[in-house]
């Protein structure tokens, strides 16, 4: 039997071409991100459709920037 994690959430984040998402800290939990379409940069790290990122609790996320736009599946707890 599966029990949902309290305080966890999953959502889609769609960024239009040229959009920027502000930098943030992962002080309350970890984050998993799957790029469903397009591409995005986090600092010097480029990621594209099919790429997966894991940001552990306590890590810092640089601003996300996209030239062409992207859709991200985000799960965090």
C-alpha atoms as a PDB file:
ATOM      1  CA  UNK A   1       0.000   0.000   0.000  1.00  0.00           C
ATOM      2  CA  UNK A   2       1.406   3.386  -1.014  1.00  0.00           C
ATOM      3  CA  UNK A   3       1.097   6.419   1.211  1.00  0.00           C
ATOM      4  CA  UNK A   4       1.471   9.936  -0.250  1.00  0.00           C
ATOM      5  CA  UNK A   5       4.260  12.044   1.197  1.00  0.00           C
ATOM      6  CA  UNK A   6       3.010  15.011   3.167  1.00  0.00           C
ATOM      7  CA  UNK A   7       4.270  18.258   1.700  1.00  0.00           C
ATOM      8  CA  UNK A   8       5.119  16.768  -1.667  1.00  0.00           C
ATOM      9  CA  UNK A   9       3.919  18.116  -4.989  1.00  0.00           C
ATOM     10  CA  UNK A  10       4.216  17.477  -8.714  1.00  0.00           C
ATOM     11  CA  UNK A  11       3.469  20.050 -11.403  1.00  0.00           C
ATOM     12  CA  UNK A  12       4.222  21.156 -14.959  1.00  0.00           C
ATOM     13  CA  UNK A  13       6.156  24.381 -15.447  1.00  0.00           C
ATOM     14  CA  UNK A  14       5.897  25.935 -18.900  1.00  0.00           C
ATOM     15  CA  UNK A  15       8.341  28.731 -19.692  1.00  0.00           C
ATOM     16  CA  UNK A  16       7.859  30.819 -22.827  1.00  0.00           C
ATOM     17  CA  UNK A  17      10.774  31.671 -25.118  1.00  0.00           C
ATOM     18  CA  UNK A  18      13.072  34.183 -23.405  1.00  0.00           C
ATOM     19  CA  UNK A  19      11.639  33.519 -19.931  1.00  0.00           C
ATOM     20  CA  UNK A  20      13.676  33.489 -16.729  1.00  0.00           C
ATOM     21  CA  UNK A  21      12.744  31.772 -13.454  1.00  0.00           C
ATOM     22  CA  UNK A  22      14.477  33.276 -10.403  1.00  0.00           C
ATOM     23  CA  UNK A  23      17.243  31.537  -8.451  1.00  0.00           C
ATOM     24  CA  UNK A  24      16.125  29.677  -5.338  1.00  0.00           C
ATOM     25  CA  UNK A  25      17.301  27.377  -2.551  1.00  0.00           C
ATOM     26  CA  UNK A  26      16.043  23.873  -1.893  1.00  0.00           C
ATOM     27  CA  UNK A  27      15.995  24.246   1.871  1.00  0.00           C
ATOM     28  CA  UNK A  28      12.720  22.404   2.493  1.00  0.00           C
ATOM     29  CA  UNK A  29      13.306  19.266   0.454  1.00  0.00           C
ATOM     30  CA  UNK A  30      14.654  17.840  -2.761  1.00  0.00           C
ATOM     31  CA  UNK A  31      13.486  18.502  -6.316  1.00  0.00           C
ATOM     32  CA  UNK A  32      13.345  16.257  -9.356  1.00  0.00           C
ATOM     33  CA  UNK A  33      12.990  17.783 -12.815  1.00  0.00           C
ATOM     34  CA  UNK A  34      12.376  16.129 -16.179  1.00  0.00           C
ATOM     35  CA  UNK A  35      12.583  18.328 -19.296  1.00  0.00           C
ATOM     36  CA  UNK A  36       9.616  17.293 -21.451  1.00  0.00           C
ATOM     37  CA  UNK A  37      10.219  19.692 -24.340  1.00  0.00           C
ATOM     38  CA  UNK A  38      12.513  22.523 -25.356  1.00  0.00           C
ATOM     39  CA  UNK A  39      15.675  23.433 -23.475  1.00  0.00           C
ATOM     40  CA  UNK A  40      16.705  25.476 -20.450  1.00  0.00           C
ATOM     41  CA  UNK A  41      19.904  26.582 -18.695  1.00  0.00           C
ATOM     42  CA  UNK A  42      20.635  26.686 -15.000  1.00  0.00           C
ATOM     43  CA  UNK A  43      23.800  28.721 -14.701  1.00  0.00           C
ATOM     44  CA  UNK A  44      26.313  27.037 -17.033  1.00  0.00           C
ATOM     45  CA  UNK A  45      24.335  23.765 -17.177  1.00  0.00           C
ATOM     46  CA  UNK A  46      22.262  23.314 -20.370  1.00  0.00           C
ATOM     47  CA  UNK A  47      19.490  20.691 -20.295  1.00  0.00           C
ATOM     48  CA  UNK A  48      17.173  19.597 -23.096  1.00  0.00           C
ATOM     49  CA  UNK A  49      14.144  17.381 -23.692  1.00  0.00           C
ATOM     50  CA  UNK A  50      14.658  13.999 -22.040  1.00  0.00           C
ATOM     51  CA  UNK A  51      17.205  15.252 -19.481  1.00  0.00           C
ATOM     52  CA  UNK A  52      16.638  14.655 -15.762  1.00  0.00           C
ATOM     53  CA  UNK A  53      17.968  16.772 -12.889  1.00  0.00           C
ATOM     54  CA  UNK A  54      18.005  16.044  -9.166  1.00  0.00           C
ATOM     55  CA  UNK A  55      18.541  18.889  -6.698  1.00  0.00           C
ATOM     56  CA  UNK A  56      19.056  17.597  -3.130  1.00  0.00           C
ATOM     57  CA  UNK A  57      17.768  19.370  -0.049  1.00  0.00           C
ATOM     58  CA  UNK A  58      20.123  22.187   0.880  1.00  0.00           C
ATOM     59  CA  UNK A  59      21.241  22.877  -2.700  1.00  0.00           C
ATOM     60  CA  UNK A  60      21.016  26.184  -4.581  1.00  0.00           C
ATOM     61  CA  UNK A  61      19.392  26.516  -8.001  1.00  0.00           C
ATOM     62  CA  UNK A  62      20.712  29.265 -10.262  1.00  0.00           C
ATOM     63  CA  UNK A  63      18.185  31.163 -12.386  1.00  0.00           C
ATOM     64  CA  UNK A  64      16.546  29.099 -15.125  1.00  0.00           C
ATOM     65  CA  UNK A  65      16.718  30.708 -18.576  1.00  0.00           C
ATOM     66  CA  UNK A  66      15.274  29.469 -21.848  1.00  0.00           C
ATOM     67  CA  UNK A  67      15.762  30.820 -25.362  1.00  0.00           C
ATOM     68  CA  UNK A  68      13.207  28.612 -27.122  1.00  0.00           C
ATOM     69  CA  UNK A  69      10.828  27.852 -24.269  1.00  0.00           C
ATOM     70  CA  UNK A  70      10.387  24.580 -22.380  1.00  0.00           C
ATOM     71  CA  UNK A  71       8.021  22.376 -20.408  1.00  0.00           C
ATOM     72  CA  UNK A  72       9.356  20.889 -17.168  1.00  0.00           C
ATOM     73  CA  UNK A  73       7.836  18.169 -14.967  1.00  0.00           C
ATOM     74  CA  UNK A  74       8.775  19.120 -11.391  1.00  0.00           C
ATOM     75  CA  UNK A  75       8.371  16.897  -8.333  1.00  0.00           C
ATOM     76  CA  UNK A  76       9.494  17.979  -4.873  1.00  0.00           C
ATOM     77  CA  UNK A  77       9.095  16.964  -1.280  1.00  0.00           C
END
